[in-house]
mmCIF file of all heavy atoms, coordinates in Angstrom:
data_MODEL
# 
_entry.id   MODEL 
# 
loop_
_atom_site.group_PDB 
_atom_site.id 
_atom_site.type_symbol 
_atom_site.label_atom_id 
_atom_site.label_alt_id 
_atom_site.label_comp_id 
_atom_site.label_asym_id 
_atom_site.label_entity_id 
_atom_site.label_seq_id 
_atom_site.pdbx_PDB_ins_code 
_atom_site.Cartn_x 
_atom_site.Cartn_y 
_atom_site.Cartn_z 
_atom_site.occupancy 
_atom_site.B_iso_or_equiv 
_atom_site.pdbx_formal_charge 
_atom_site.auth_seq_id 
_atom_site.auth_comp_id 
_atom_site.auth_asym_id 
_atom_site.auth_atom_id 
_atom_site.pdbx_PDB_model_num 
ATOM 1   N N   . SER A 1 1  ? -4.404 7.960   -14.359 1.00 0.00 ? 1  SER A N   1 
ATOM 2   C CA  . SER A 1 1  ? -3.689 9.206   -14.109 1.00 0.00 ? 1  SER A CA  1 
ATOM 3   C C   . SER A 1 1  ? -2.616 9.008   -13.040 1.00 0.00 ? 1  SER A C   1 
ATOM 4   O O   . SER A 1 1  ? -2.669 8.066   -12.244 1.00 0.00 ? 1  SER A O   1 
ATOM 5   C CB  . SER A 1 1  ? -4.668 10.292  -13.651 1.00 0.00 ? 1  SER A CB  1 
ATOM 6   O OG  . SER A 1 1  ? -5.079 10.072  -12.318 1.00 0.00 ? 1  SER A OG  1 
ATOM 7   N N   . TYR A 1 2  ? -1.668 9.919   -13.048 1.00 0.00 ? 2  TYR A N   1 
ATOM 8   C CA  . TYR A 1 2  ? -0.576 9.862   -12.078 1.00 0.00 ? 2  TYR A CA  1 
ATOM 9   C C   . TYR A 1 2  ? -1.114 9.888   -10.654 1.00 0.00 ? 2  TYR A C   1 
ATOM 10  O O   . TYR A 1 2  ? -0.643 9.142   -9.793  1.00 0.00 ? 2  TYR A O   1 
ATOM 11  C CB  . TYR A 1 2  ? 0.398  11.027  -12.318 1.00 0.00 ? 2  TYR A CB  1 
ATOM 12  C CG  . TYR A 1 2  ? 1.496  11.096  -11.299 1.00 0.00 ? 2  TYR A CG  1 
ATOM 13  C CD1 . TYR A 1 2  ? 2.579  10.219  -11.363 1.00 0.00 ? 2  TYR A CD1 1 
ATOM 14  C CD2 . TYR A 1 2  ? 1.443  12.008  -10.248 1.00 0.00 ? 2  TYR A CD2 1 
ATOM 15  C CE1 . TYR A 1 2  ? 3.596  10.261  -10.415 1.00 0.00 ? 2  TYR A CE1 1 
ATOM 16  C CE2 . TYR A 1 2  ? 2.454  12.055  -9.288  1.00 0.00 ? 2  TYR A CE2 1 
ATOM 17  C CZ  . TYR A 1 2  ? 3.521  11.189  -9.376  1.00 0.00 ? 2  TYR A CZ  1 
ATOM 18  O OH  . TYR A 1 2  ? 4.514  11.224  -8.437  1.00 0.00 ? 2  TYR A OH  1 
ATOM 19  N N   . THR A 1 3  ? -2.114 10.723  -10.387 1.00 0.00 ? 3  THR A N   1 
ATOM 20  C CA  . THR A 1 3  ? -2.700 10.839  -9.054  1.00 0.00 ? 3  THR A CA  1 
ATOM 21  C C   . THR A 1 3  ? -3.351 9.531   -8.629  1.00 0.00 ? 3  THR A C   1 
ATOM 22  O O   . THR A 1 3  ? -3.146 9.061   -7.511  1.00 0.00 ? 3  THR A O   1 
ATOM 23  C CB  . THR A 1 3  ? -3.735 11.988  -9.005  1.00 0.00 ? 3  THR A CB  1 
ATOM 24  O OG1 . THR A 1 3  ? -3.084 13.197  -9.403  1.00 0.00 ? 3  THR A OG1 1 
ATOM 25  C CG2 . THR A 1 3  ? -4.315 12.157  -7.616  1.00 0.00 ? 3  THR A CG2 1 
ATOM 26  N N   . CYS A 1 4  ? -4.116 8.914   -9.515  1.00 0.00 ? 4  CYS A N   1 
ATOM 27  C CA  . CYS A 1 4  ? -4.764 7.636   -9.196  1.00 0.00 ? 4  CYS A CA  1 
ATOM 28  C C   . CYS A 1 4  ? -3.728 6.542   -8.950  1.00 0.00 ? 4  CYS A C   1 
ATOM 29  O O   . CYS A 1 4  ? -3.874 5.746   -8.017  1.00 0.00 ? 4  CYS A O   1 
ATOM 30  C CB  . CYS A 1 4  ? -5.716 7.213   -10.313 1.00 0.00 ? 4  CYS A CB  1 
ATOM 31  S SG  . CYS A 1 4  ? -7.206 8.209   -10.408 1.00 0.00 ? 4  CYS A SG  1 
ATOM 32  N N   . GLU A 1 5  ? -2.696 6.507   -9.788  1.00 0.00 ? 5  GLU A N   1 
ATOM 33  C CA  . GLU A 1 5  ? -1.642 5.511   -9.601  1.00 0.00 ? 5  GLU A CA  1 
ATOM 34  C C   . GLU A 1 5  ? -0.935 5.704   -8.267  1.00 0.00 ? 5  GLU A C   1 
ATOM 35  O O   . GLU A 1 5  ? -0.626 4.737   -7.570  1.00 0.00 ? 5  GLU A O   1 
ATOM 36  C CB  . GLU A 1 5  ? -0.622 5.586   -10.737 1.00 0.00 ? 5  GLU A CB  1 
ATOM 37  C CG  . GLU A 1 5  ? -1.081 4.933   -12.009 1.00 0.00 ? 5  GLU A CG  1 
ATOM 38  C CD  . GLU A 1 5  ? -0.010 4.933   -13.084 1.00 0.00 ? 5  GLU A CD  1 
ATOM 39  O OE1 . GLU A 1 5  ? 1.179  5.188   -12.759 1.00 0.00 ? 5  GLU A OE1 1 
ATOM 40  O OE2 . GLU A 1 5  ? -0.358 4.656   -14.238 1.00 0.00 ? 5  GLU A OE2 1 
ATOM 41  N N   . THR A 1 6  ? -0.676 6.967   -7.926  1.00 0.00 ? 6  THR A N   1 
ATOM 42  C CA  . THR A 1 6  ? -0.002 7.259   -6.661  1.00 0.00 ? 6  THR A CA  1 
ATOM 43  C C   . THR A 1 6  ? -0.866 6.839   -5.474  1.00 0.00 ? 6  THR A C   1 
ATOM 44  O O   . THR A 1 6  ? -0.358 6.241   -4.513  1.00 0.00 ? 6  THR A O   1 
ATOM 45  C CB  . THR A 1 6  ? 0.336  8.762   -6.570  1.00 0.00 ? 6  THR A CB  1 
ATOM 46  O OG1 . THR A 1 6  ? 1.161  9.110   -7.682  1.00 0.00 ? 6  THR A OG1 1 
ATOM 47  C CG2 . THR A 1 6  ? 1.058  9.087   -5.274  1.00 0.00 ? 6  THR A CG2 1 
ATOM 48  N N   . ILE A 1 7  ? -2.150 7.122   -5.544  1.00 0.00 ? 7  ILE A N   1 
ATOM 49  C CA  . ILE A 1 7  ? -3.060 6.722   -4.466  1.00 0.00 ? 7  ILE A CA  1 
ATOM 50  C C   . ILE A 1 7  ? -3.123 5.198   -4.360  1.00 0.00 ? 7  ILE A C   1 
ATOM 51  O O   . ILE A 1 7  ? -3.012 4.633   -3.266  1.00 0.00 ? 7  ILE A O   1 
ATOM 52  C CB  . ILE A 1 7  ? -4.461 7.335   -4.671  1.00 0.00 ? 7  ILE A CB  1 
ATOM 53  C CG1 . ILE A 1 7  ? -4.395 8.855   -4.467  1.00 0.00 ? 7  ILE A CG1 1 
ATOM 54  C CG2 . ILE A 1 7  ? -5.484 6.703   -3.724  1.00 0.00 ? 7  ILE A CG2 1 
ATOM 55  C CD1 . ILE A 1 7  ? -5.657 9.592   -4.893  1.00 0.00 ? 7  ILE A CD1 1 
ATOM 56  N N   . LEU A 1 8  ? -3.274 4.523   -5.490  1.00 0.00 ? 8  LEU A N   1 
ATOM 57  C CA  . LEU A 1 8  ? -3.347 3.066   -5.487  1.00 0.00 ? 8  LEU A CA  1 
ATOM 58  C C   . LEU A 1 8  ? -2.043 2.456   -4.975  1.00 0.00 ? 8  LEU A C   1 
ATOM 59  O O   . LEU A 1 8  ? -2.056 1.527   -4.152  1.00 0.00 ? 8  LEU A O   1 
ATOM 60  C CB  . LEU A 1 8  ? -3.672 2.536   -6.891  1.00 0.00 ? 8  LEU A CB  1 
ATOM 61  C CG  . LEU A 1 8  ? -3.820 1.022   -7.019  1.00 0.00 ? 8  LEU A CG  1 
ATOM 62  C CD1 . LEU A 1 8  ? -4.884 0.476   -6.067  1.00 0.00 ? 8  LEU A CD1 1 
ATOM 63  C CD2 . LEU A 1 8  ? -4.148 0.659   -8.460  1.00 0.00 ? 8  LEU A CD2 1 
ATOM 64  N N   . LEU A 1 9  ? -0.906 2.981   -5.424  1.00 0.00 ? 9  LEU A N   1 
ATOM 65  C CA  . LEU A 1 9  ? 0.384  2.483   -4.962  1.00 0.00 ? 9  LEU A CA  1 
ATOM 66  C C   . LEU A 1 9  ? 0.541  2.717   -3.458  1.00 0.00 ? 9  LEU A C   1 
ATOM 67  O O   . LEU A 1 9  ? 1.050  1.849   -2.739  1.00 0.00 ? 9  LEU A O   1 
ATOM 68  C CB  . LEU A 1 9  ? 1.526  3.153   -5.736  1.00 0.00 ? 9  LEU A CB  1 
ATOM 69  C CG  . LEU A 1 9  ? 2.936  2.635   -5.451  1.00 0.00 ? 9  LEU A CG  1 
ATOM 70  C CD1 . LEU A 1 9  ? 3.043  1.134   -5.713  1.00 0.00 ? 9  LEU A CD1 1 
ATOM 71  C CD2 . LEU A 1 9  ? 3.942  3.393   -6.308  1.00 0.00 ? 9  LEU A CD2 1 
ATOM 72  N N   . SER A 1 10 ? 0.072  3.848   -2.967  1.00 0.00 ? 10 SER A N   1 
ATOM 73  C CA  . SER A 1 10 ? 0.140  4.135   -1.529  1.00 0.00 ? 10 SER A CA  1 
ATOM 74  C C   . SER A 1 10 ? -0.694 3.140   -0.732  1.00 0.00 ? 10 SER A C   1 
ATOM 75  O O   . SER A 1 10 ? -0.255 2.638   0.304   1.00 0.00 ? 10 SER A O   1 
ATOM 76  C CB  . SER A 1 10 ? -0.358 5.562   -1.242  1.00 0.00 ? 10 SER A CB  1 
ATOM 77  O OG  . SER A 1 10 ? 0.481  6.502   -1.855  1.00 0.00 ? 10 SER A OG  1 
ATOM 78  N N   . VAL A 1 11 ? -1.886 2.841   -1.216  1.00 0.00 ? 11 VAL A N   1 
ATOM 79  C CA  . VAL A 1 11 ? -2.753 1.872   -0.537  1.00 0.00 ? 11 VAL A CA  1 
ATOM 80  C C   . VAL A 1 11 ? -2.122 0.484   -0.567  1.00 0.00 ? 11 VAL A C   1 
ATOM 81  O O   . VAL A 1 11 ? -2.109 -0.223  0.444   1.00 0.00 ? 11 VAL A O   1 
ATOM 82  C CB  . VAL A 1 11 ? -4.175 1.869   -1.164  1.00 0.00 ? 11 VAL A CB  1 
ATOM 83  C CG1 . VAL A 1 11 ? -5.011 0.708   -0.643  1.00 0.00 ? 11 VAL A CG1 1 
ATOM 84  C CG2 . VAL A 1 11 ? -4.878 3.189   -0.902  1.00 0.00 ? 11 VAL A CG2 1 
ATOM 85  N N   . LEU A 1 12 ? -1.593 0.085   -1.716  1.00 0.00 ? 12 LEU A N   1 
ATOM 86  C CA  . LEU A 1 12 ? -0.944 -1.219  -1.824  1.00 0.00 ? 12 LEU A CA  1 
ATOM 87  C C   . LEU A 1 12 ? 0.261  -1.316  -0.895  1.00 0.00 ? 12 LEU A C   1 
ATOM 88  O O   . LEU A 1 12 ? 0.471  -2.342  -0.229  1.00 0.00 ? 12 LEU A O   1 
ATOM 89  C CB  . LEU A 1 12 ? -0.525 -1.506  -3.264  1.00 0.00 ? 12 LEU A CB  1 
ATOM 90  C CG  . LEU A 1 12 ? -1.648 -1.806  -4.244  1.00 0.00 ? 12 LEU A CG  1 
ATOM 91  C CD1 . LEU A 1 12 ? -1.097 -1.887  -5.666  1.00 0.00 ? 12 LEU A CD1 1 
ATOM 92  C CD2 . LEU A 1 12 ? -2.385 -3.074  -3.870  1.00 0.00 ? 12 LEU A CD2 1 
ATOM 93  N N   . ASN A 1 13 ? 1.074  -0.257  -0.847  1.00 0.00 ? 13 ASN A N   1 
ATOM 94  C CA  . ASN A 1 13 ? 2.229  -0.235  0.065   1.00 0.00 ? 13 ASN A CA  1 
ATOM 95  C C   . ASN A 1 13 ? 1.780  -0.360  1.512   1.00 0.00 ? 13 ASN A C   1 
ATOM 96  O O   . ASN A 1 13 ? 2.369  -1.110  2.295   1.00 0.00 ? 13 ASN A O   1 
ATOM 97  C CB  . ASN A 1 13 ? 3.056  1.035   -0.122  1.00 0.00 ? 13 ASN A CB  1 
ATOM 98  C CG  . ASN A 1 13 ? 4.018  0.939   -1.277  1.00 0.00 ? 13 ASN A CG  1 
ATOM 99  O OD1 . ASN A 1 13 ? 4.620  -0.097  -1.510  1.00 0.00 ? 13 ASN A OD1 1 
ATOM 100 N ND2 . ASN A 1 13 ? 4.172  2.024   -2.006  1.00 0.00 ? 13 ASN A ND2 1 
ATOM 101 N N   . TRP A 1 14 ? 0.728  0.376   1.873   1.00 0.00 ? 14 TRP A N   1 
ATOM 102 C CA  . TRP A 1 14 ? 0.213  0.311   3.242   1.00 0.00 ? 14 TRP A CA  1 
ATOM 103 C C   . TRP A 1 14 ? -0.274 -1.099  3.574   1.00 0.00 ? 14 TRP A C   1 
ATOM 104 O O   . TRP A 1 14 ? 0.066  -1.642  4.631   1.00 0.00 ? 14 TRP A O   1 
ATOM 105 C CB  . TRP A 1 14 ? -0.922 1.326   3.438   1.00 0.00 ? 14 TRP A CB  1 
ATOM 106 C CG  . TRP A 1 14 ? -1.539 1.183   4.788   1.00 0.00 ? 14 TRP A CG  1 
ATOM 107 C CD1 . TRP A 1 14 ? -1.063 1.663   5.970   1.00 0.00 ? 14 TRP A CD1 1 
ATOM 108 C CD2 . TRP A 1 14 ? -2.745 0.474   5.093   1.00 0.00 ? 14 TRP A CD2 1 
ATOM 109 N NE1 . TRP A 1 14 ? -1.897 1.285   6.994   1.00 0.00 ? 14 TRP A NE1 1 
ATOM 110 C CE2 . TRP A 1 14 ? -2.937 0.562   6.483   1.00 0.00 ? 14 TRP A CE2 1 
ATOM 111 C CE3 . TRP A 1 14 ? -3.667 -0.227  4.329   1.00 0.00 ? 14 TRP A CE3 1 
ATOM 112 C CZ2 . TRP A 1 14 ? -4.025 -0.024  7.121   1.00 0.00 ? 14 TRP A CZ2 1 
ATOM 113 C CZ3 . TRP A 1 14 ? -4.751 -0.805  4.973   1.00 0.00 ? 14 TRP A CZ3 1 
ATOM 114 C CH2 . TRP A 1 14 ? -4.927 -0.696  6.351   1.00 0.00 ? 14 TRP A CH2 1 
ATOM 115 N N   . LEU A 1 15 ? -1.048 -1.695  2.686   1.00 0.00 ? 15 LEU A N   1 
ATOM 116 C CA  . LEU A 1 15 ? -1.542 -3.059  2.923   1.00 0.00 ? 15 LEU A CA  1 
ATOM 117 C C   . LEU A 1 15 ? -0.394 -4.055  3.013   1.00 0.00 ? 15 LEU A C   1 
ATOM 118 O O   . LEU A 1 15 ? -0.421 -4.974  3.846   1.00 0.00 ? 15 LEU A O   1 
ATOM 119 C CB  . LEU A 1 15 ? -2.523 -3.474  1.818   1.00 0.00 ? 15 LEU A CB  1 
ATOM 120 C CG  . LEU A 1 15 ? -3.892 -2.812  1.852   1.00 0.00 ? 15 LEU A CG  1 
ATOM 121 C CD1 . LEU A 1 15 ? -4.683 -3.150  0.588   1.00 0.00 ? 15 LEU A CD1 1 
ATOM 122 C CD2 . LEU A 1 15 ? -4.668 -3.227  3.092   1.00 0.00 ? 15 LEU A CD2 1 
ATOM 123 N N   . HIS A 1 16 ? 0.607  -3.870  2.179   1.00 0.00 ? 16 HIS A N   1 
ATOM 124 C CA  . HIS A 1 16 ? 1.786  -4.740  2.193   1.00 0.00 ? 16 HIS A CA  1 
ATOM 125 C C   . HIS A 1 16 ? 2.495  -4.634  3.545   1.00 0.00 ? 16 HIS A C   1 
ATOM 126 O O   . HIS A 1 16 ? 2.830  -5.658  4.162   1.00 0.00 ? 16 HIS A O   1 
ATOM 127 C CB  . HIS A 1 16 ? 2.715  -4.329  1.048   1.00 0.00 ? 16 HIS A CB  1 
ATOM 128 C CG  . HIS A 1 16 ? 3.714  -5.361  0.654   1.00 0.00 ? 16 HIS A CG  1 
ATOM 129 N ND1 . HIS A 1 16 ? 3.396  -6.463  -0.106  1.00 0.00 ? 16 HIS A ND1 1 
ATOM 130 C CD2 . HIS A 1 16 ? 5.046  -5.454  0.912   1.00 0.00 ? 16 HIS A CD2 1 
ATOM 131 C CE1 . HIS A 1 16 ? 4.476  -7.198  -0.303  1.00 0.00 ? 16 HIS A CE1 1 
ATOM 132 N NE2 . HIS A 1 16 ? 5.500  -6.608  0.314   1.00 0.00 ? 16 HIS A NE2 1 
ATOM 133 N N   . LEU A 1 17 ? 2.706  -3.413  4.002   1.00 0.00 ? 17 LEU A N   1 
ATOM 134 C CA  . LEU A 1 17 ? 3.349  -3.205  5.299   1.00 0.00 ? 17 LEU A CA  1 
ATOM 135 C C   . LEU A 1 17 ? 2.481  -3.729  6.438   1.00 0.00 ? 17 LEU A C   1 
ATOM 136 O O   . LEU A 1 17 ? 2.984  -4.343  7.387   1.00 0.00 ? 17 LEU A O   1 
ATOM 137 C CB  . LEU A 1 17 ? 3.657  -1.719  5.505   1.00 0.00 ? 17 LEU A CB  1 
ATOM 138 C CG  . LEU A 1 17 ? 4.763  -1.155  4.628   1.00 0.00 ? 17 LEU A CG  1 
ATOM 139 C CD1 . LEU A 1 17 ? 4.819  0.370   4.750   1.00 0.00 ? 17 LEU A CD1 1 
ATOM 140 C CD2 . LEU A 1 17 ? 6.101  -1.776  4.977   1.00 0.00 ? 17 LEU A CD2 1 
ATOM 141 N N   . PHE A 1 18 ? 1.181  -3.503  6.360   1.00 0.00 ? 18 PHE A N   1 
ATOM 142 C CA  . PHE A 1 18 ? 0.273  -3.972  7.409   1.00 0.00 ? 18 PHE A CA  1 
ATOM 143 C C   . PHE A 1 18 ? 0.302  -5.493  7.518   1.00 0.00 ? 18 PHE A C   1 
ATOM 144 O O   . PHE A 1 18 ? 0.373  -6.051  8.620   1.00 0.00 ? 18 PHE A O   1 
ATOM 145 C CB  . PHE A 1 18 ? -1.160 -3.478  7.154   1.00 0.00 ? 18 PHE A CB  1 
ATOM 146 C CG  . PHE A 1 18 ? -2.095 -3.813  8.270   1.00 0.00 ? 18 PHE A CG  1 
ATOM 147 C CD1 . PHE A 1 18 ? -2.129 -3.036  9.417   1.00 0.00 ? 18 PHE A CD1 1 
ATOM 148 C CD2 . PHE A 1 18 ? -2.931 -4.918  8.185   1.00 0.00 ? 18 PHE A CD2 1 
ATOM 149 C CE1 . PHE A 1 18 ? -2.976 -3.351  10.468  1.00 0.00 ? 18 PHE A CE1 1 
ATOM 150 C CE2 . PHE A 1 18 ? -3.791 -5.244  9.223   1.00 0.00 ? 18 PHE A CE2 1 
ATOM 151 C CZ  . PHE A 1 18 ? -3.812 -4.456  10.375  1.00 0.00 ? 18 PHE A CZ  1 
ATOM 152 N N   . ALA A 1 19 ? 0.269  -6.181  6.385   1.00 0.00 ? 19 ALA A N   1 
ATOM 153 C CA  . ALA A 1 19 ? 0.316  -7.648  6.406   1.00 0.00 ? 19 ALA A CA  1 
ATOM 154 C C   . ALA A 1 19 ? 1.645  -8.135  6.982   1.00 0.00 ? 19 ALA A C   1 
ATOM 155 O O   . ALA A 1 19 ? 1.680  -9.103  7.751   1.00 0.00 ? 19 ALA A O   1 
ATOM 156 C CB  . ALA A 1 19 ? 0.100  -8.205  4.995   1.00 0.00 ? 19 ALA A CB  1 
ATOM 157 N N   . THR A 1 20 ? 2.724  -7.458  6.640   1.00 0.00 ? 20 THR A N   1 
ATOM 158 C CA  . THR A 1 20 ? 4.039  -7.820  7.178   1.00 0.00 ? 20 THR A CA  1 
ATOM 159 C C   . THR A 1 20 ? 4.066  -7.653  8.691   1.00 0.00 ? 20 THR A C   1 
ATOM 160 O O   . THR A 1 20 ? 4.499  -8.544  9.426   1.00 0.00 ? 20 THR A O   1 
ATOM 161 C CB  . THR A 1 20 ? 5.146  -6.951  6.540   1.00 0.00 ? 20 THR A CB  1 
ATOM 162 O OG1 . THR A 1 20 ? 5.113  -7.114  5.122   1.00 0.00 ? 20 THR A OG1 1 
ATOM 163 C CG2 . THR A 1 20 ? 6.520  -7.317  7.071   1.00 0.00 ? 20 THR A CG2 1 
ATOM 164 N N   . VAL A 1 21 ? 3.599  -6.508  9.156   1.00 0.00 ? 21 VAL A N   1 
ATOM 165 C CA  . VAL A 1 21 ? 3.598  -6.222  10.587  1.00 0.00 ? 21 VAL A CA  1 
ATOM 166 C C   . VAL A 1 21 ? 2.658  -7.169  11.336  1.00 0.00 ? 21 VAL A C   1 
ATOM 167 O O   . VAL A 1 21 ? 2.991  -7.653  12.423  1.00 0.00 ? 21 VAL A O   1 
ATOM 168 C CB  . VAL A 1 21 ? 3.217  -4.745  10.844  1.00 0.00 ? 21 VAL A CB  1 
ATOM 169 C CG1 . VAL A 1 21 ? 2.950  -4.487  12.309  1.00 0.00 ? 21 VAL A CG1 1 
ATOM 170 C CG2 . VAL A 1 21 ? 4.322  -3.829  10.327  1.00 0.00 ? 21 VAL A CG2 1 
ATOM 171 N N   . ALA A 1 22 ? 1.504  -7.468  10.763  1.00 0.00 ? 22 ALA A N   1 
ATOM 172 C CA  . ALA A 1 22 ? 0.555  -8.372  11.429  1.00 0.00 ? 22 ALA A CA  1 
ATOM 173 C C   . ALA A 1 22 ? 1.171  -9.757  11.602  1.00 0.00 ? 22 ALA A C   1 
ATOM 174 O O   . ALA A 1 22 ? 1.084  -10.358 12.687  1.00 0.00 ? 22 ALA A O   1 
ATOM 175 C CB  . ALA A 1 22 ? -0.746 -8.449  10.635  1.00 0.00 ? 22 ALA A CB  1 
ATOM 176 N N   . TRP A 1 23 ? 1.792  -10.274 10.559  1.00 0.00 ? 23 TRP A N   1 
ATOM 177 C CA  . TRP A 1 23 ? 2.377  -11.615 10.616  1.00 0.00 ? 23 TRP A CA  1 
ATOM 178 C C   . TRP A 1 23 ? 3.576  -11.652 11.568  1.00 0.00 ? 23 TRP A C   1 
ATOM 179 O O   . TRP A 1 23 ? 3.618  -12.439 12.515  1.00 0.00 ? 23 TRP A O   1 
ATOM 180 C CB  . TRP A 1 23 ? 2.789  -12.047 9.217   1.00 0.00 ? 23 TRP A CB  1 
ATOM 181 C CG  . TRP A 1 23 ? 3.280  -13.458 9.084   1.00 0.00 ? 23 TRP A CG  1 
ATOM 182 C CD1 . TRP A 1 23 ? 3.382  -14.412 10.062  1.00 0.00 ? 23 TRP A CD1 1 
ATOM 183 C CD2 . TRP A 1 23 ? 3.746  -14.074 7.889   1.00 0.00 ? 23 TRP A CD2 1 
ATOM 184 N NE1 . TRP A 1 23 ? 3.874  -15.580 9.529   1.00 0.00 ? 23 TRP A NE1 1 
ATOM 185 C CE2 . TRP A 1 23 ? 4.109  -15.395 8.192   1.00 0.00 ? 23 TRP A CE2 1 
ATOM 186 C CE3 . TRP A 1 23 ? 3.897  -13.646 6.573   1.00 0.00 ? 23 TRP A CE3 1 
ATOM 187 C CZ2 . TRP A 1 23 ? 4.603  -16.286 7.250   1.00 0.00 ? 23 TRP A CZ2 1 
ATOM 188 C CZ3 . TRP A 1 23 ? 4.384  -14.529 5.628   1.00 0.00 ? 23 TRP A CZ3 1 
ATOM 189 C CH2 . TRP A 1 23 ? 4.726  -15.830 5.972   1.00 0.00 ? 23 TRP A CH2 1 
ATOM 190 N N   . ILE A 1 24 ? 4.548  -10.781 11.340  1.00 0.00 ? 24 ILE A N   1 
ATOM 191 C CA  . ILE A 1 24 ? 5.761  -10.795 12.157  1.00 0.00 ? 24 ILE A CA  1 
ATOM 192 C C   . ILE A 1 24 ? 5.461  -10.323 13.580  1.00 0.00 ? 24 ILE A C   1 
ATOM 193 O O   . ILE A 1 24 ? 5.994  -10.862 14.552  1.00 0.00 ? 24 ILE A O   1 
ATOM 194 C CB  . ILE A 1 24 ? 6.872  -9.958  11.496  1.00 0.00 ? 24 ILE A CB  1 
ATOM 195 C CG1 . ILE A 1 24 ? 7.236  -10.597 10.142  1.00 0.00 ? 24 ILE A CG1 1 
ATOM 196 C CG2 . ILE A 1 24 ? 8.098  -9.856  12.397  1.00 0.00 ? 24 ILE A CG2 1 
ATOM 197 C CD1 . ILE A 1 24 ? 8.104  -9.740  9.261   1.00 0.00 ? 24 ILE A CD1 1 
# 
């Protein structure tokens, strides 16, 4: 569903940003 995809995409974006910030 659109809601599940949005939640999953939000979590993936957050993890992506977190990994970037942790490394840099």
